[in-house]
Amino acid sequence: MNFPTGAGACACTAISLSTESAARGFRPLRTGGRLVRPVPEWENAAMRKSMLAIAAVFACAASPALAQDSAPPSRYSFNRVDDGFLRLDNQTGQVAFCSAHAVGWACQAVPEDRAALEKEIARLQQEVASLKQEVASLREPPPPRLPADLTPPADRNDDSARLREDLARARVAFENAWRRLVEMIVNFQKDMMPKG
């Protein structure tokens, strides 16, 4: 085969490639670039469905964790004992003993010693009443004091006269000590000055 060369040959080749690629479903990405096959519609739908399935799996996996956090507390709590379980009703406080029977499990209410409970309630009420009385007595103001005797005693005049005399003697002794200190300093300065 003999192929043409030159500018006309390039144009022919480009035209033949573009008609061939269009027939096969390819389209050019950009001018002079490589050819890219477009994605068929059924592949786009399959991709969307698989992404939706993955999202649904993640949502289902996350929902039990969220449900555990927001679950209300159960009404009953069970504690194992020798022959069965003790069931505590968390709303009413009633206790029942549950054990296995021939037909299945059965729970019977545990009898309460009502007299002991009533006795304890009465004791606690008396204690509360006595404590309230004690608090009330502590809050009451103390009785008023008798006014203090403000007249000075007769001995007080003698004490104040003696105190004044002691202060006068102390002042005189301090003045004498000060005067002697100043004289000593003056004499020391005179002795230290050069005679000349």
Protein backbone atom coordinates (compact mmCIF):
# COMPACT_ATOMS: atom_id res chain seq x y z
CA MET A 1 0.00 0.00 0.00
CA ASN A 2 1.08 3.43 -0.79
CA PHE A 3 0.31 6.12 1.86
CA PRO A 4 0.34 9.79 1.01
CA THR A 5 2.84 11.97 2.79
CA GLY A 6 2.74 15.63 3.72
CA ALA A 7 -0.03 17.87 5.10
CA GLY A 8 -2.85 16.05 3.30
CA ALA A 9 -1.79 12.74 4.82
CA CYS A 10 -2.16 14.02 8.37
CA ALA A 11 -5.64 15.33 7.75
CA CYS A 12 -6.76 12.05 6.27
CA THR A 13 -5.38 10.07 9.16
CA ALA A 14 -7.11 12.30 11.73
CA ILE A 15 -10.41 12.02 9.89
CA SER A 16 -10.17 8.27 9.62
CA LEU A 17 -9.31 7.96 13.32
CA SER A 18 -12.18 10.13 14.40
CA THR A 19 -14.75 8.19 12.37
CA GLU A 20 -13.30 4.89 13.58
CA SER A 21 -13.29 5.97 17.22
CA ALA A 22 -16.83 7.30 16.97
CA ALA A 23 -17.95 3.95 15.66
CA ARG A 24 -16.33 2.16 18.62
CA GLY A 25 -17.67 4.62 21.25
CA PHE A 26 -14.46 6.54 21.91
CA ARG A 27 -14.28 10.30 22.08
CA PRO A 28 -11.20 12.51 22.24
CA LEU A 29 -10.36 13.87 25.68
CA ARG A 30 -8.90 16.99 24.11
CA THR A 31 -7.55 17.94 20.74
CA GLY A 32 -4.43 16.01 20.02
CA GLY A 33 -4.88 13.94 23.21
CA ARG A 34 -5.59 10.30 23.73
CA LEU A 35 -8.99 8.78 23.13
CA VAL A 36 -11.23 7.91 26.09
CA ARG A 37 -14.16 5.53 26.01
CA PRO A 38 -17.31 7.02 27.64
CA VAL A 39 -18.89 5.11 30.55
CA PRO A 40 -22.15 3.43 29.51
CA GLU A 41 -25.37 4.25 31.44
CA TRP A 42 -25.68 0.76 32.93
CA GLU A 43 -22.21 1.11 34.54
CA ASN A 44 -23.24 4.48 36.08
CA ALA A 45 -26.39 2.89 37.51
CA ALA A 46 -24.38 -0.04 38.93
CA MET A 47 -21.91 2.36 40.54
CA ARG A 48 -24.76 4.36 42.15
CA LYS A 49 -26.39 1.18 43.47
CA SER A 50 -23.14 -0.10 45.00
CA MET A 51 -22.48 3.27 46.69
CA LEU A 52 -26.04 3.24 48.06
CA ALA A 53 -25.55 -0.30 49.41
CA ILE A 54 -22.29 0.70 51.14
CA ALA A 55 -23.99 3.71 52.74
CA ALA A 56 -26.85 1.50 53.95
CA VAL A 57 -24.39 -0.98 55.51
CA PHE A 58 -22.65 1.85 57.40
CA ALA A 59 -25.98 3.25 58.59
CA CYS A 60 -27.10 -0.17 59.85
CA ALA A 61 -23.77 -0.73 61.61
CA ALA A 62 -23.97 2.64 63.37
CA SER A 63 -27.60 2.33 64.52
CA PRO A 64 -27.04 -0.33 67.27
CA ALA A 65 -24.33 1.82 68.87
CA LEU A 66 -26.68 4.80 68.91
CA ALA A 67 -29.56 2.69 70.21
CA GLN A 68 -27.47 1.38 73.13
CA ASP A 69 -26.74 4.91 74.35
CA SER A 70 -30.35 6.08 74.26
CA ALA A 71 -32.04 2.93 75.58
CA PRO A 72 -34.17 3.56 78.68
CA PRO A 73 -33.17 1.68 81.84
CA SER A 74 -34.87 -1.67 82.28
CA ARG A 75 -37.68 -1.99 84.78
CA TYR A 76 -36.31 -5.10 86.50
CA SER A 77 -32.86 -6.07 87.71
CA PHE A 78 -31.97 -9.66 88.60
CA ASN A 79 -29.50 -11.01 91.14
CA ARG A 80 -28.55 -14.68 91.30
CA VAL A 81 -29.20 -16.53 94.59
CA ASP A 82 -28.82 -20.21 95.49
CA ASP A 83 -32.03 -21.64 93.98
CA GLY A 84 -32.96 -18.95 91.45
CA PHE A 85 -33.00 -15.18 91.07
CA LEU A 86 -34.20 -12.19 93.05
CA ARG A 87 -36.09 -9.75 90.84
CA LEU A 88 -36.10 -6.09 91.91
CA ASP A 89 -38.70 -3.82 90.36
CA ASN A 90 -36.76 -0.58 89.74
CA GLN A 91 -39.96 1.51 89.67
CA THR A 92 -41.83 0.26 92.76
CA GLY A 93 -39.05 -1.38 94.79
CA GLN A 94 -40.95 -4.66 95.13
CA VAL A 95 -38.78 -7.79 95.43
CA ALA A 96 -39.78 -11.18 94.03
CA PHE A 97 -38.08 -14.60 94.08
CA CYS A 98 -37.96 -16.30 90.67
CA SER A 99 -37.23 -20.01 90.33
CA ALA A 100 -37.61 -22.80 87.79
CA HIS A 101 -40.73 -24.99 88.09
CA ALA A 102 -41.97 -28.00 86.10
CA VAL A 103 -43.93 -25.73 83.75
CA GLY A 104 -41.32 -22.94 83.47
CA TRP A 105 -40.09 -20.01 85.48
CA ALA A 106 -42.32 -18.40 88.11
CA CYS A 107 -41.84 -15.40 90.37
CA GLN A 108 -43.38 -15.01 93.83
CA ALA A 109 -43.40 -11.79 95.84
CA VAL A 110 -41.07 -11.86 98.82
CA PRO A 111 -43.03 -11.20 102.03
CA GLU A 112 -42.03 -8.01 103.80
CA ASP A 113 -41.87 -7.63 107.56
CA ARG A 114 -44.27 -4.70 107.63
CA ALA A 115 -44.25 -4.36 111.43
CA ALA A 116 -40.47 -3.90 111.51
CA LEU A 117 -40.70 -1.31 108.76
CA GLU A 118 -43.41 0.61 110.61
CA LYS A 119 -41.37 0.51 113.82
CA GLU A 120 -38.29 1.89 112.03
CA ILE A 121 -40.36 4.63 110.39
CA ALA A 122 -41.78 5.68 113.79
CA ARG A 123 -38.28 5.74 115.33
CA LEU A 124 -36.95 7.88 112.50
CA GLN A 125 -39.88 10.30 112.77
CA GLN A 126 -39.21 10.76 116.51
CA GLU A 127 -35.53 11.35 115.81
CA VAL A 128 -36.37 13.96 113.16
CA ALA A 129 -38.75 15.74 115.57
CA SER A 130 -36.11 15.88 118.34
CA LEU A 131 -33.50 17.18 115.91
CA LYS A 132 -35.88 19.89 114.72
CA GLN A 133 -36.44 20.99 118.32
CA GLU A 134 -32.70 21.08 118.95
CA VAL A 135 -32.11 23.19 115.84
CA ALA A 136 -34.92 25.57 116.85
CA SER A 137 -33.42 26.00 120.33
CA LEU A 138 -30.03 26.77 118.82
CA ARG A 139 -31.55 29.43 116.57
CA GLU A 140 -33.26 31.28 119.44
CA PRO A 141 -31.38 34.39 120.56
CA PRO A 142 -29.68 34.15 123.94
CA PRO A 143 -31.35 35.95 126.85
CA PRO A 144 -30.29 39.59 127.22
CA ARG A 145 -27.29 40.31 129.45
CA LEU A 146 -27.47 42.44 132.51
CA PRO A 147 -25.92 45.89 132.00
CA ALA A 148 -22.33 46.07 133.16
CA ASP A 149 -21.34 48.26 136.10
CA LEU A 150 -19.54 51.21 134.51
CA THR A 151 -18.52 53.04 137.71
CA PRO A 152 -14.77 53.05 138.22
CA PRO A 153 -13.53 51.39 141.40
CA ALA A 154 -11.89 53.46 144.11
CA ASP A 155 -8.58 51.57 143.79
CA ARG A 156 -8.36 52.61 140.20
CA ASN A 157 -7.38 56.21 141.14
CA ASP A 158 -4.39 54.93 143.12
CA ASP A 159 -3.29 52.75 140.19
CA SER A 160 -3.49 55.59 137.70
CA ALA A 161 -1.47 57.89 140.03
CA ARG A 162 1.21 55.21 140.39
CA LEU A 163 1.23 54.70 136.63
CA ARG A 164 1.75 58.42 136.03
CA GLU A 165 4.65 58.50 138.50
CA ASP A 166 6.27 55.46 136.84
CA LEU A 167 5.93 57.08 133.40
CA ALA A 168 7.48 60.33 134.65
CA ARG A 169 10.47 58.44 136.15
CA ALA A 170 10.91 56.44 132.92
CA ARG A 171 10.87 59.64 130.86
CA VAL A 172 13.52 61.26 133.09
CA ALA A 173 15.71 58.12 132.90
CA PHE A 174 15.42 58.05 129.11
CA GLU A 175 16.29 61.76 128.82
CA ASN A 176 19.37 61.27 131.03
CA ALA A 177 20.52 58.28 128.97
CA TRP A 178 20.08 60.24 125.77
CA ARG A 179 21.99 63.21 127.09
CA ARG A 180 24.90 60.94 128.18
CA LEU A 181 24.98 59.31 124.71
CA VAL A 182 25.17 62.69 122.97
CA GLU A 183 27.97 63.82 125.32
CA MET A 184 29.93 60.62 124.61
CA ILE A 185 29.64 61.15 120.86
CA VAL A 186 30.77 64.78 121.14
CA ASN A 187 33.77 63.80 123.32
CA PHE A 188 34.71 61.01 120.87
CA GLN A 189 34.66 63.48 117.97
CA LYS A 190 36.86 65.92 119.88
CA ASP A 191 39.40 63.18 120.65
CA MET A 192 39.54 62.01 117.05
CA MET A 193 40.06 65.46 115.52
CA PRO A 194 43.68 66.23 114.88
CA LYS A 195 45.09 68.84 117.24
CA GLY A 196 46.83 71.43 115.40
